[in-house]
Protein backbone atom coordinates (compact mmCIF):
# COMPACT_ATOMS: atom_id res chain seq x y z
CA MET A 1 -42.22 -173.79 -20.40
CA LYS A 2 -44.65 -171.52 -21.92
CA LYS A 3 -45.43 -170.01 -18.58
CA LYS A 4 -41.76 -169.39 -17.95
CA LEU A 5 -41.42 -167.70 -21.26
CA ILE A 6 -44.36 -165.56 -20.48
CA PHE A 7 -42.88 -164.77 -17.08
CA VAL A 8 -39.56 -163.89 -18.64
CA LEU A 9 -41.21 -161.71 -21.22
CA MET A 10 -43.22 -160.00 -18.59
CA SER A 11 -40.12 -159.55 -16.45
CA ALA A 12 -38.26 -158.16 -19.43
CA PHE A 13 -41.20 -155.84 -20.19
CA LEU A 14 -41.31 -154.74 -16.64
CA ALA A 15 -37.53 -154.24 -16.64
CA VAL A 16 -37.77 -152.19 -19.80
CA ASN A 17 -40.53 -150.13 -18.29
CA ALA A 18 -38.47 -149.72 -15.13
CA PHE A 19 -35.42 -148.59 -17.10
CA ALA A 20 -37.63 -146.20 -19.03
CA ASP A 21 -38.92 -144.81 -15.75
CA TYR A 22 -35.35 -144.46 -14.42
CA GLU A 23 -34.22 -142.68 -17.57
CA SER A 24 -37.20 -140.38 -17.36
CA GLU A 25 -36.43 -139.70 -13.69
CA ILE A 26 -32.76 -139.16 -14.52
CA ARG A 27 -33.74 -136.67 -17.24
CA ASP A 28 -36.01 -134.94 -14.81
CA LEU A 29 -33.23 -134.81 -12.24
CA LYS A 30 -30.80 -133.48 -14.83
CA MET A 31 -33.31 -130.84 -15.84
CA GLN A 32 -33.80 -129.95 -12.21
CA LYS A 33 -30.02 -129.85 -11.80
CA GLU A 34 -29.65 -127.58 -14.80
CA LYS A 35 -32.46 -125.43 -13.48
CA LEU A 36 -30.81 -125.30 -10.07
CA ASN A 37 -27.45 -124.54 -11.69
CA SER A 38 -29.12 -121.74 -13.67
CA GLU A 39 -30.72 -120.42 -10.53
CA ILE A 40 -27.38 -120.71 -8.74
CA GLN A 41 -25.70 -118.79 -11.55
CA THR A 42 -28.45 -116.20 -11.42
CA LEU A 43 -28.08 -115.97 -7.67
CA ASN A 44 -24.29 -115.77 -8.02
CA ALA A 45 -24.70 -113.00 -10.59
CA LYS A 46 -27.09 -111.20 -8.25
CA ILE A 47 -24.69 -111.73 -5.34
CA SER A 48 -21.83 -110.47 -7.47
CA ALA A 49 -23.87 -107.47 -8.51
CA THR A 50 -24.89 -106.95 -4.90
CA ASP A 51 -21.28 -107.21 -3.80
CA SER A 52 -20.30 -104.74 -6.48
CA MET A 53 -23.06 -102.40 -5.39
CA LEU A 54 -22.05 -102.94 -1.79
CA ARG A 55 -18.44 -102.15 -2.60
CA ALA A 56 -19.61 -99.09 -4.53
CA ASP A 57 -21.78 -98.08 -1.59
CA VAL A 58 -18.87 -98.61 0.80
CA SER A 59 -16.62 -96.58 -1.47
CA ARG A 60 -19.26 -93.91 -1.85
CA HIS A 61 -19.82 -93.97 1.90
CA LYS A 62 -16.12 -93.50 2.47
CA VAL A 63 -16.05 -90.64 -0.04
CA LEU A 64 -19.12 -89.09 1.58
CA GLU A 65 -17.62 -89.61 5.02
CA GLN A 66 -14.40 -87.94 3.90
CA ARG A 67 -16.39 -85.11 2.33
CA TYR A 68 -18.45 -84.83 5.51
CA LYS A 69 -15.30 -84.65 7.61
CA ALA A 70 -13.77 -82.13 5.23
CA ASP A 71 -17.01 -80.10 5.20
CA SER A 72 -17.26 -80.34 8.98
CA GLU A 73 -13.70 -79.11 9.39
CA ARG A 74 -14.26 -76.36 6.84
CA ARG A 75 -17.50 -75.33 8.51
CA ARG A 76 -15.86 -75.38 11.95
CA ALA A 77 -13.08 -73.21 10.55
CA GLU A 78 -15.69 -70.90 8.98
CA ILE A 79 -17.66 -70.82 12.24
CA ASP A 80 -14.49 -70.01 14.17
CA THR A 81 -13.72 -67.27 11.65
CA LEU A 82 -17.28 -65.95 11.89
CA ASN A 83 -17.14 -66.08 15.69
CA ALA A 84 -13.89 -64.12 15.59
CA LYS A 85 -15.51 -61.60 13.21
CA ILE A 86 -18.58 -61.42 15.44
CA ARG A 87 -16.42 -60.79 18.51
CA LYS A 88 -14.48 -58.15 16.60
CA ALA A 89 -17.71 -56.57 15.33
CA ALA A 90 -19.17 -56.69 18.86
CA ALA A 91 -16.05 -55.01 20.21
CA SER A 92 -16.22 -52.37 17.47
CA LEU A 93 -19.94 -51.91 18.16
CA GLN A 94 -19.26 -51.49 21.86
CA GLN A 95 -16.53 -48.98 21.10
CA GLU A 96 -18.92 -47.11 18.82
CA ARG A 97 -21.59 -47.18 21.52
CA ASN A 98 -19.06 -45.86 24.01
CA LYS A 99 -18.09 -43.13 21.54
CA GLN A 100 -21.75 -42.27 20.98
CA ALA A 101 -22.35 -42.24 24.73
CA ARG A 102 -19.37 -39.93 25.23
CA ALA A 103 -20.51 -37.78 22.31
CA LYS A 104 -24.01 -37.68 23.78
CA ASN A 105 -22.61 -36.68 27.16
CA ARG A 106 -20.51 -33.99 25.53
CA SER A 107 -23.53 -32.85 23.53
CA GLU A 108 -25.67 -32.78 26.67
CA ASN A 109 -22.92 -30.89 28.50
CA VAL A 110 -22.68 -28.42 25.63
CA SER A 111 -26.49 -28.10 25.57
CA ALA A 112 -26.55 -27.55 29.33
CA LYS A 113 -23.80 -24.95 29.06
CA ARG A 114 -25.64 -23.27 26.20
CA ARG A 115 -28.86 -23.20 28.21
CA ALA A 116 -26.98 -21.72 31.17
CA LEU A 117 -25.29 -19.21 28.85
CA ARG A 118 -28.64 -18.31 27.30
CA LEU A 119 -30.10 -17.69 30.76
CA GLU A 120 -27.15 -15.49 31.68
CA LEU A 121 -27.40 -13.58 28.41
CA ALA A 122 -31.13 -13.10 28.98
CA LYS A 123 -30.40 -11.80 32.49
CA ILE A 124 -27.80 -9.38 31.15
CA SER A 125 -30.16 -8.26 28.40
CA LYS A 126 -32.96 -7.66 30.93
CA LYS A 127 -30.57 -5.77 33.14
CA LEU A 128 -29.57 -3.69 30.13
CA GLU A 129 -33.26 -3.01 29.48
CA SER A 130 -33.64 -1.76 33.04
CA GLN A 131 -30.59 0.46 32.73
CA ILE A 132 -31.70 1.89 29.39
CA ALA A 133 -35.16 2.57 30.82
CA GLN A 134 -33.49 4.71 33.51
CA THR A 135 -31.07 6.58 31.23
CA LEU A 136 -31.59 9.93 29.53
CA PRO A 137 -34.59 10.18 27.18
CA TRP A 138 -32.40 10.42 24.11
CA GLU A 139 -33.62 7.95 21.47
CA ARG A 140 -34.48 5.88 24.49
CA GLU A 141 -37.47 4.09 22.96
CA SER A 142 -35.51 2.77 19.99
CA ARG A 143 -32.63 1.71 22.23
CA LEU A 144 -35.03 0.03 24.63
CA ASP A 145 -36.87 -1.72 21.78
CA ARG A 146 -33.61 -3.23 20.53
CA ALA A 147 -32.78 -4.54 23.99
CA LYS A 148 -36.30 -5.96 24.51
CA SER A 149 -36.25 -7.58 21.08
CA LEU A 150 -32.96 -9.26 21.90
CA THR A 151 -34.32 -10.50 25.24
CA ARG A 152 -37.40 -12.00 23.54
CA GLU A 153 -35.33 -13.77 20.91
CA ILE A 154 -32.92 -15.15 23.51
CA GLU A 155 -35.75 -16.46 25.69
CA SER A 156 -37.62 -17.97 22.73
CA GLY A 157 -34.47 -19.57 21.34
CA ASN A 158 -34.77 -17.79 17.99
CA ALA A 159 -31.32 -16.28 18.49
CA SER A 160 -28.37 -18.62 18.95
CA GLU A 161 -25.98 -18.04 21.81
CA GLU A 162 -23.33 -16.74 19.41
CA GLU A 163 -25.77 -14.34 17.75
CA ALA A 164 -27.17 -13.25 21.11
CA PHE A 165 -23.68 -12.62 22.48
CA SER A 166 -22.70 -10.63 19.38
CA ARG A 167 -25.88 -8.53 19.47
CA LEU A 168 -25.61 -7.99 23.21
CA LYS A 169 -22.01 -6.92 22.78
CA SER A 170 -23.11 -4.50 20.07
CA LEU A 171 -25.84 -3.05 22.31
CA LEU A 172 -23.41 -2.68 25.20
CA ASN A 173 -20.92 -0.94 22.92
CA GLU A 174 -23.69 1.43 21.82
CA GLU A 175 -24.54 2.19 25.44
CA ILE A 176 -20.86 2.70 26.26
CA LYS A 177 -20.60 5.03 23.31
CA PHE A 178 -23.78 6.74 24.45
CA GLY A 179 -22.18 7.34 27.83
CA ASP A 180 -19.04 8.80 26.27
CA GLU A 181 -20.18 10.84 23.29
CA VAL A 182 -21.07 14.51 23.12
CA ALA A 183 -24.02 15.18 20.77
CA VAL A 184 -26.12 18.16 19.82
CA VAL A 185 -29.39 18.28 17.90
CA ASN A 186 -31.88 20.93 16.83
CA SER A 187 -35.31 19.60 17.65
CA PRO A 188 -38.75 20.65 18.89
CA LEU A 189 -38.88 20.34 22.68
CA THR A 190 -41.77 20.31 25.11
CA ARG A 191 -41.04 22.57 28.06
CA LYS A 192 -42.06 21.81 31.60
CA ASP A 193 -45.16 23.99 31.25
CA GLY A 194 -46.17 22.15 28.05
CA GLU A 195 -45.05 24.81 25.59
CA ILE A 196 -43.29 23.47 22.49
CA VAL A 197 -40.23 25.42 21.36
CA ASN A 198 -37.49 24.90 18.80
CA ALA A 199 -34.38 24.20 20.82
CA THR A 200 -30.78 23.19 20.53
CA ILE A 201 -30.19 20.24 22.85
CA LEU A 202 -26.72 19.29 24.03
CA ARG A 203 -26.02 15.90 25.60
CA ILE A 204 -22.73 15.02 27.22
CA GLY A 205 -22.66 11.28 27.83
CA ASN A 206 -25.40 10.25 30.20
CA GLN A 207 -24.58 12.92 32.76
CA TRP A 208 -25.55 16.24 31.14
CA MET A 209 -28.47 17.21 28.96
CA VAL A 210 -29.16 20.94 28.53
CA TYR A 211 -30.91 23.10 25.98
CA VAL A 212 -31.41 26.63 24.80
CA ASP A 213 -34.32 27.78 22.63
CA GLU A 214 -33.82 29.36 19.22
CA ASN A 215 -34.21 32.86 20.67
CA GLY A 216 -31.63 32.29 23.41
CA SER A 217 -34.13 33.32 26.03
CA VAL A 218 -35.06 29.97 27.63
CA TYR A 219 -32.49 27.60 29.10
CA GLY A 220 -32.95 24.32 30.85
CA ARG A 221 -31.24 21.23 32.15
CA LEU A 222 -32.64 17.73 32.43
CA GLU A 223 -33.00 16.61 36.03
CA ARG A 224 -33.41 13.06 37.29
CA LYS A 225 -35.74 12.33 40.20
CA ILE A 226 -37.08 9.31 42.02
CA GLU A 227 -40.86 9.18 42.33
CA ASN A 228 -42.57 6.16 43.87
CA GLY A 229 -39.42 4.13 43.33
CA ASN A 230 -39.26 5.00 39.64
CA VAL A 231 -36.74 7.19 37.82
CA VAL A 232 -38.32 10.18 36.08
CA TYR A 233 -36.80 13.09 34.18
CA GLU A 234 -38.05 16.65 33.91
CA TRP A 235 -36.68 19.96 32.70
CA ASN A 236 -35.39 22.41 35.27
CA GLU A 237 -35.45 25.87 33.72
CA ASN A 238 -34.40 27.83 36.82
CA LEU A 239 -30.83 28.52 35.74
CA ASN A 240 -28.82 31.52 36.90
CA LEU A 241 -26.77 33.70 34.54
CA GLU A 242 -23.54 31.80 35.08
CA GLU A 243 -25.21 28.50 34.31
CA ARG A 244 -26.91 29.93 31.21
CA ALA A 245 -23.61 31.30 29.98
CA ALA A 246 -21.94 27.92 30.49
CA VAL A 247 -24.73 26.17 28.55
CA LYS A 248 -24.57 28.70 25.70
CA LEU A 249 -20.78 28.45 25.47
CA ALA A 250 -20.82 24.65 25.47
CA ILE A 251 -23.43 24.55 22.68
CA ASP A 252 -21.60 27.15 20.59
CA VAL A 253 -18.29 25.27 20.91
CA LYS A 254 -19.97 22.00 19.94
CA GLN A 255 -21.60 23.66 16.91
CA ALA A 256 -18.24 25.23 15.98
CA LYS A 257 -19.64 28.72 16.43
CA LYS A 258 -16.73 29.37 18.75
CA PRO A 259 -13.15 28.10 18.70
CA PRO A 260 -12.45 24.72 20.31
CA GLN A 261 -11.81 25.12 23.98
CA ILE A 262 -12.35 23.47 27.31
CA VAL A 263 -15.75 24.32 28.73
CA ASN A 264 -16.40 23.85 32.40
CA LEU A 265 -20.01 22.94 33.03
CA PRO A 266 -21.03 23.24 36.66
CA VAL A 267 -21.82 19.97 38.34
CA CYS A 268 -25.18 21.41 39.31
CA LEU A 269 -26.16 21.25 35.62
CA SER A 270 -25.80 17.44 35.54
CA VAL A 271 -28.88 15.25 35.63
CA VAL A 272 -28.26 14.46 39.29
CA GLY A 273 -27.78 18.14 40.22
CA GLY A 274 -25.51 19.34 42.96
CA VAL A 275 -24.61 22.27 45.19
CA ARG A 276 -25.08 25.65 43.41
């Protein structure tokens, strides 16, 4: 009986210990459950936050995508506008280049014409020099110097075409006037034999040049000759009475010593001479 009691007590003790172990295990399981529930809640919160962030990212992505599309369309429109402006600017640039090319061609044509005109003016000026060098020795050096000066300035380009033309025209007018005018001067004159006398010299254009000395005893006419291909002038003082009278009358009329009248000078008194 005693053994049974002991067995029962031991069984009861063991049962109590077993229940205590179960309760402890149950508590541990509950704690683990609570811990797991806490972790689940934490994970749910993180998932919720992640979902919220994901939704925000999706929304932001959509906004960015819309902005990108809008920017792309705007930039394409701007690029199209810029391309149109570039094409327009290129067309304007080409037109300007064409204008410049045409202007350059016109300028080159004008320059070529000016060069050709300058050459022609220089030729005319040189020809005028040659003609002056062969005309009567009446202020010939100064006239020749003006023509030579003009030729030099034309050839060197110091005188523009307009200036050269104007000056050449002026020189030609002077020579035309020289060929038309009747002039008389009182001036020392070197005779053919070298004697220097005071003389009155009458020039009629470029065809007659005669003189009489202050005493009225020596008369002469300028005569043109060709020597070695060159034109030279010298005084011919072998005048007959009729020729001397004609010279004296012409000079007196020019100096108003006699009334105005028509004076007939013999052709033989011209610089080229003639039949006496």
